[in-house]
Amino acid sequence: MTVAPDVTRPLVACDLDRTLIYSAAALGLGGPDAAAPPLVVAEVYQGVPISFLTRRAETLLAELAQIAVFVPTTTRTVAQYERVRLFQRPPAFAVTTNGAQIVVDGRPDGDWTVEIAARLTSACAPLADIADHLAKLDDPRWTLSRRVAEDVFCYLVVNRAELPATFVSDLAEWCEPLGWTVSLQGRKIYAVPRPLTKSAALAEVVRRSGATCMFGAGDSLLDADLLEAAQYGVRPAHGELADLGWQRDHVAVTSATGILAAEEILNHLLVACGR
């Protein structure tokens, strides 16, 4: 099925983890348990609920999807994205694998996959070189696992408490001349080819959807290009961008942190869309 262009609605690109949905460890709830907001399960893995949003955020998200082309935009792989259930039916478009995949009507778009493969081949060192380097850095004191995502980027799952203070900066310095970037998100250290960006995939989605403009939300360094490309953006007061003090005139910052920040983010986006 081909998605018909929608020339009347803005496009809203929203990161998922720690922007819209939250693991139990990332909820950031304080105060008495009785005062906690009602939560809705957004993801189940191996029979266990692992990601959540507030009931209020679920309501706001449904309202946003009525007035905008809502595009989940994530570093998750397609398989990891498919575990997330925000609507009865999948959105018409999603961007996964940090822009390596555009999911259209629930299926990865083959033309975009071919396009991305060509861009990466011509612009940066091969994935195997980076993966081999990460294997040499593997240390059981802080490395829990090493993974490759859909043959386009790789990441480490680490014990943050044991991670050497300069590990991320040293890895970033090594990767930079090879055309790769490094980002730390929660327990994961990502090594991603520089041409592999959410904004590049979103530009293609904007073209296909016929959206009038783009708004965005995200919390990590891998969301910075998304926020730069948006006409208006919002980020939570937590996460990698907050830790770096990242600011732009057209990007609002929530007052709340943790899962309550998602409600603020959605309210900002609804106002931007004319609600």
Protein backbone atom coordinates (compact mmCIF):
# COMPACT_ATOMS: atom_id res chain seq x y z
CA MET A 1 0.00 0.00 0.00
CA THR A 2 1.31 3.47 -0.92
CA VAL A 3 0.73 6.21 1.62
CA ALA A 4 -1.05 9.18 0.02
CA PRO A 5 0.61 12.56 0.58
CA ASP A 6 -1.03 14.71 3.22
CA VAL A 7 -0.47 18.34 2.27
CA THR A 8 -2.52 19.79 5.12
CA ARG A 9 -0.79 18.52 8.25
CA PRO A 10 2.62 19.10 9.84
CA LEU A 11 4.93 16.20 10.49
CA VAL A 12 5.97 15.46 14.08
CA ALA A 13 9.09 13.33 14.52
CA CYS A 14 9.43 12.01 18.05
CA ASP A 15 12.19 9.93 19.58
CA LEU A 16 10.94 7.06 21.73
CA ASP A 17 13.17 5.97 24.63
CA ARG A 18 13.54 8.55 27.40
CA THR A 19 11.58 11.06 25.30
CA LEU A 20 8.14 9.51 24.91
CA ILE A 21 8.44 6.09 26.60
CA TYR A 22 10.45 5.10 29.69
CA SER A 23 11.86 1.96 31.26
CA ALA A 24 11.19 1.31 34.93
CA ALA A 25 14.70 2.52 35.73
CA ALA A 26 14.16 5.79 33.85
CA LEU A 27 10.75 6.79 35.26
CA GLY A 28 12.28 9.40 37.54
CA LEU A 29 9.29 9.50 39.88
CA GLY A 30 9.67 11.13 43.28
CA GLY A 31 7.30 11.56 46.17
CA PRO A 32 4.88 9.04 47.61
CA ASP A 33 3.77 6.09 45.50
CA ALA A 34 0.13 7.12 45.89
CA ALA A 35 0.92 10.36 44.04
CA ALA A 36 2.50 8.61 41.04
CA PRO A 37 0.68 9.10 37.71
CA PRO A 38 -1.25 6.19 36.18
CA LEU A 39 1.03 4.36 33.74
CA VAL A 40 0.29 2.56 30.48
CA VAL A 41 2.45 -0.30 29.17
CA ALA A 42 4.09 0.68 25.87
CA GLU A 43 6.32 -2.37 25.37
CA VAL A 44 6.45 -6.01 26.43
CA TYR A 45 9.61 -8.12 26.00
CA GLN A 46 9.64 -11.86 26.68
CA GLY A 47 6.33 -11.53 28.47
CA VAL A 48 7.48 -8.73 30.79
CA PRO A 49 6.35 -5.06 30.57
CA ILE A 50 9.51 -2.98 30.12
CA SER A 51 8.49 0.46 28.75
CA PHE A 52 5.77 2.84 29.86
CA LEU A 53 4.13 6.20 29.31
CA THR A 54 1.62 8.00 31.48
CA ARG A 55 -2.08 7.68 30.79
CA ARG A 56 -2.17 11.44 30.24
CA ALA A 57 0.64 11.18 27.67
CA GLU A 58 -1.28 8.44 25.87
CA THR A 59 -4.29 10.75 25.59
CA LEU A 60 -2.16 13.66 24.36
CA LEU A 61 -0.42 11.41 21.83
CA ALA A 62 -3.75 10.26 20.40
CA GLU A 63 -4.77 13.91 20.03
CA LEU A 64 -1.48 14.78 18.33
CA ALA A 65 -1.83 11.92 15.84
CA GLN A 66 -5.18 13.34 14.77
CA ILE A 67 -3.73 16.69 13.68
CA ALA A 68 -0.20 15.76 12.55
CA VAL A 69 1.69 13.09 10.64
CA PHE A 70 3.21 11.44 13.71
CA VAL A 71 6.48 9.65 12.95
CA PRO A 72 8.20 7.57 15.67
CA THR A 73 11.91 8.22 15.12
CA THR A 74 14.28 5.92 16.94
CA THR A 75 17.71 4.32 17.11
CA ARG A 76 15.95 1.02 17.81
CA THR A 77 16.10 -1.65 15.13
CA VAL A 78 12.93 -2.57 13.28
CA ALA A 79 12.42 -5.61 15.51
CA GLN A 80 12.88 -3.53 18.66
CA TYR A 81 10.54 -0.84 17.32
CA GLU A 82 7.85 -3.40 16.53
CA ARG A 83 7.58 -4.27 20.24
CA VAL A 84 6.39 -0.72 21.00
CA ARG A 85 2.61 -0.34 20.86
CA LEU A 86 1.39 3.25 20.96
CA PHE A 87 -1.67 2.97 18.71
CA GLN A 88 -4.16 0.33 17.60
CA ARG A 89 -2.52 0.40 14.16
CA PRO A 90 1.10 1.29 13.31
CA PRO A 91 1.71 4.86 12.10
CA ALA A 92 1.94 5.30 8.34
CA PHE A 93 5.64 6.14 8.68
CA ALA A 94 8.38 5.40 11.19
CA VAL A 95 12.13 5.95 11.13
CA THR A 96 14.20 3.25 12.83
CA THR A 97 17.83 2.18 13.19
CA ASN A 98 18.85 5.85 13.46
CA GLY A 99 17.64 6.53 9.93
CA ALA A 100 18.78 3.34 8.20
CA GLN A 101 15.18 2.20 7.83
CA ILE A 102 11.99 3.97 6.85
CA VAL A 103 9.04 1.81 7.83
CA VAL A 104 6.01 2.41 5.61
CA ASP A 105 2.69 0.86 6.62
CA GLY A 106 4.57 -1.47 8.96
CA ARG A 107 7.20 -2.64 6.44
CA PRO A 108 10.77 -1.44 5.79
CA ASP A 109 11.11 0.45 2.53
CA GLY A 110 13.56 -1.34 0.22
CA ASP A 111 14.45 1.70 -1.88
CA TRP A 112 15.61 3.61 1.19
CA THR A 113 17.66 0.64 2.39
CA VAL A 114 19.53 0.59 -0.92
CA GLU A 115 20.06 4.36 -0.81
CA ILE A 116 21.50 4.27 2.70
CA ALA A 117 23.85 1.39 1.87
CA ALA A 118 25.29 3.41 -1.01
CA ARG A 119 25.77 6.51 1.17
CA LEU A 120 27.60 4.58 3.88
CA THR A 121 29.88 2.76 1.45
CA SER A 122 31.09 6.02 -0.05
CA ALA A 123 31.40 8.14 3.09
CA CYS A 124 32.88 6.24 6.03
CA ALA A 125 34.97 3.30 7.20
CA PRO A 126 33.36 -0.15 7.06
CA LEU A 127 31.30 -1.40 9.98
CA ALA A 128 33.71 -4.34 10.41
CA ASP A 129 36.57 -1.98 11.27
CA ILE A 130 34.58 -0.33 14.06
CA ALA A 131 33.19 -3.62 15.37
CA ASP A 132 36.70 -5.10 15.51
CA HIS A 133 37.93 -2.10 17.48
CA LEU A 134 35.08 -2.43 19.97
CA ALA A 135 35.92 -6.10 20.38
CA LYS A 136 39.47 -5.15 21.36
CA LEU A 137 38.13 -2.72 23.96
CA ASP A 138 35.81 -5.32 25.47
CA ASP A 139 36.45 -5.60 29.19
CA PRO A 140 34.25 -7.78 31.41
CA ARG A 141 34.56 -5.23 34.21
CA TRP A 142 32.27 -2.82 32.35
CA THR A 143 31.17 -4.42 29.05
CA LEU A 144 27.97 -6.44 29.38
CA SER A 145 27.55 -7.16 25.66
CA ARG A 146 28.50 -6.05 22.13
CA ARG A 147 25.89 -5.85 19.39
CA VAL A 148 25.53 -4.94 15.72
CA ALA A 149 22.27 -3.34 14.59
CA GLU A 150 21.04 -4.43 11.15
CA ASP A 151 24.58 -4.36 9.73
CA VAL A 152 24.78 -0.56 9.87
CA PHE A 153 26.03 0.41 13.34
CA CYS A 154 27.20 -1.18 16.57
CA TYR A 155 26.94 -0.55 20.29
CA LEU A 156 28.10 -1.69 23.69
CA VAL A 157 25.88 -2.36 26.67
CA VAL A 158 27.93 -1.30 29.68
CA ASN A 159 27.97 -1.04 33.44
CA ARG A 160 28.06 2.74 33.82
CA ALA A 161 29.41 2.56 37.38
CA GLU A 162 32.56 0.73 36.22
CA LEU A 163 33.07 2.53 32.89
CA PRO A 164 36.37 4.46 32.76
CA ALA A 165 35.84 8.22 32.80
CA THR A 166 37.50 8.80 29.41
CA PHE A 167 36.21 5.71 27.61
CA VAL A 168 33.51 7.48 25.58
CA SER A 169 35.65 10.50 24.68
CA ASP A 170 38.59 8.26 23.70
CA LEU A 171 36.33 6.13 21.50
CA ALA A 172 34.83 9.24 19.89
CA GLU A 173 38.30 10.59 19.12
CA TRP A 174 39.27 7.28 17.47
CA CYS A 175 36.04 7.09 15.44
CA GLU A 176 35.93 10.71 14.26
CA PRO A 177 38.49 10.51 11.39
CA LEU A 178 36.80 7.31 10.17
CA GLY A 179 33.49 9.10 9.66
CA TRP A 180 31.75 7.64 12.71
CA THR A 181 30.17 9.31 15.76
CA VAL A 182 29.82 8.10 19.34
CA SER A 183 26.90 8.62 21.70
CA LEU A 184 26.21 7.47 25.27
CA GLN A 185 22.56 6.77 26.09
CA GLY A 186 21.73 5.11 29.36
CA ARG A 187 23.70 1.85 29.43
CA LYS A 188 24.47 1.90 25.70
CA ILE A 189 27.44 3.38 23.86
CA TYR A 190 26.61 3.74 20.16
CA ALA A 191 29.09 3.96 17.29
CA VAL A 192 27.16 5.23 14.27
CA PRO A 193 28.27 6.24 10.75
CA ARG A 194 28.10 10.02 10.41
CA PRO A 195 25.87 9.93 7.27
CA LEU A 196 23.36 7.74 9.14
CA THR A 197 21.06 10.36 10.65
CA LYS A 198 17.46 10.64 11.64
CA SER A 199 17.17 13.98 9.82
CA ALA A 200 18.15 12.48 6.45
CA ALA A 201 15.46 9.82 6.73
CA LEU A 202 12.94 12.40 7.93
CA ALA A 203 13.63 14.62 4.93
CA GLU A 204 12.57 11.68 2.77
CA VAL A 205 9.45 11.11 4.88
CA VAL A 206 8.55 14.80 4.61
CA ARG A 207 8.89 14.55 0.83
CA ARG A 208 6.75 11.43 0.61
CA SER A 209 4.06 12.60 3.03
CA GLY A 210 3.76 16.09 1.60
CA ALA A 211 3.79 17.52 5.13
CA THR A 212 3.86 21.30 5.38
CA CYS A 213 6.58 21.51 8.04
CA MET A 214 8.40 19.39 10.62
CA PHE A 215 8.47 19.55 14.41
CA GLY A 216 10.61 17.26 16.55
CA ALA A 217 11.48 15.94 19.99
CA GLY A 218 14.43 13.99 21.38
CA ASP A 219 16.84 13.68 24.28
CA SER A 220 20.16 12.33 22.97
CA LEU A 221 23.07 13.44 20.82
CA LEU A 222 21.66 11.22 18.07
CA ASP A 223 18.55 13.45 18.14
CA ALA A 224 20.49 16.69 17.73
CA ASP A 225 20.30 16.67 13.92
CA LEU A 226 16.54 15.95 14.12
CA LEU A 227 16.07 18.99 16.37
CA GLU A 228 18.33 21.14 14.17
CA ALA A 229 16.26 20.25 11.10
CA ALA A 230 12.91 20.91 12.76
CA GLN A 231 11.14 24.25 12.47
CA TYR A 232 10.35 23.85 16.17
CA GLY A 233 11.60 21.29 18.66
CA VAL A 234 11.48 20.29 22.30
CA ARG A 235 13.78 18.22 24.47
CA PRO A 236 13.44 16.94 28.04
CA ALA A 237 15.47 18.40 30.89
CA HIS A 238 17.25 15.05 31.20
CA GLY A 239 19.37 12.94 28.86
CA GLU A 240 22.54 13.36 26.86
CA LEU A 241 21.64 16.76 25.38
CA ALA A 242 20.75 18.10 28.82
CA ASP A 243 24.05 16.81 30.22
CA LEU A 244 25.88 18.65 27.43
CA GLY A 245 23.90 21.85 27.98
CA TRP A 246 22.73 21.70 24.36
CA GLN A 247 20.50 24.69 23.51
CA ARG A 248 18.93 26.18 20.39
CA ASP A 249 16.62 29.17 20.09
CA HIS A 250 13.89 27.13 18.39
CA VAL A 251 14.09 24.18 20.84
CA ALA A 252 12.12 24.35 24.09
CA VAL A 253 13.19 22.47 27.23
CA THR A 254 10.77 20.84 29.65
CA SER A 255 10.68 21.74 33.31
CA ALA A 256 9.97 18.12 34.28
CA THR A 257 12.38 15.20 34.06
CA GLY A 258 11.64 11.50 33.73
CA ILE A 259 8.38 10.16 32.43
CA LEU A 260 6.45 13.33 33.30
CA ALA A 261 8.56 15.20 30.74
CA ALA A 262 6.72 13.30 27.99
CA GLU A 263 3.49 15.07 28.85
CA GLU A 264 5.19 18.45 28.54
CA ILE A 265 6.79 17.44 25.26
CA LEU A 266 3.45 16.40 23.78
CA ASN A 267 1.78 19.60 24.98
CA HIS A 268 4.53 21.68 23.31
CA LEU A 269 4.06 19.76 20.06
CA LEU A 270 0.29 20.11 20.16
CA VAL A 271 0.59 23.87 20.54
CA ALA A 272 3.10 23.98 17.66
CA CYS A 273 0.58 22.10 15.51
CA GLY A 274 -2.11 24.69 16.20
CA ARG A 275 -4.13 23.00 18.91
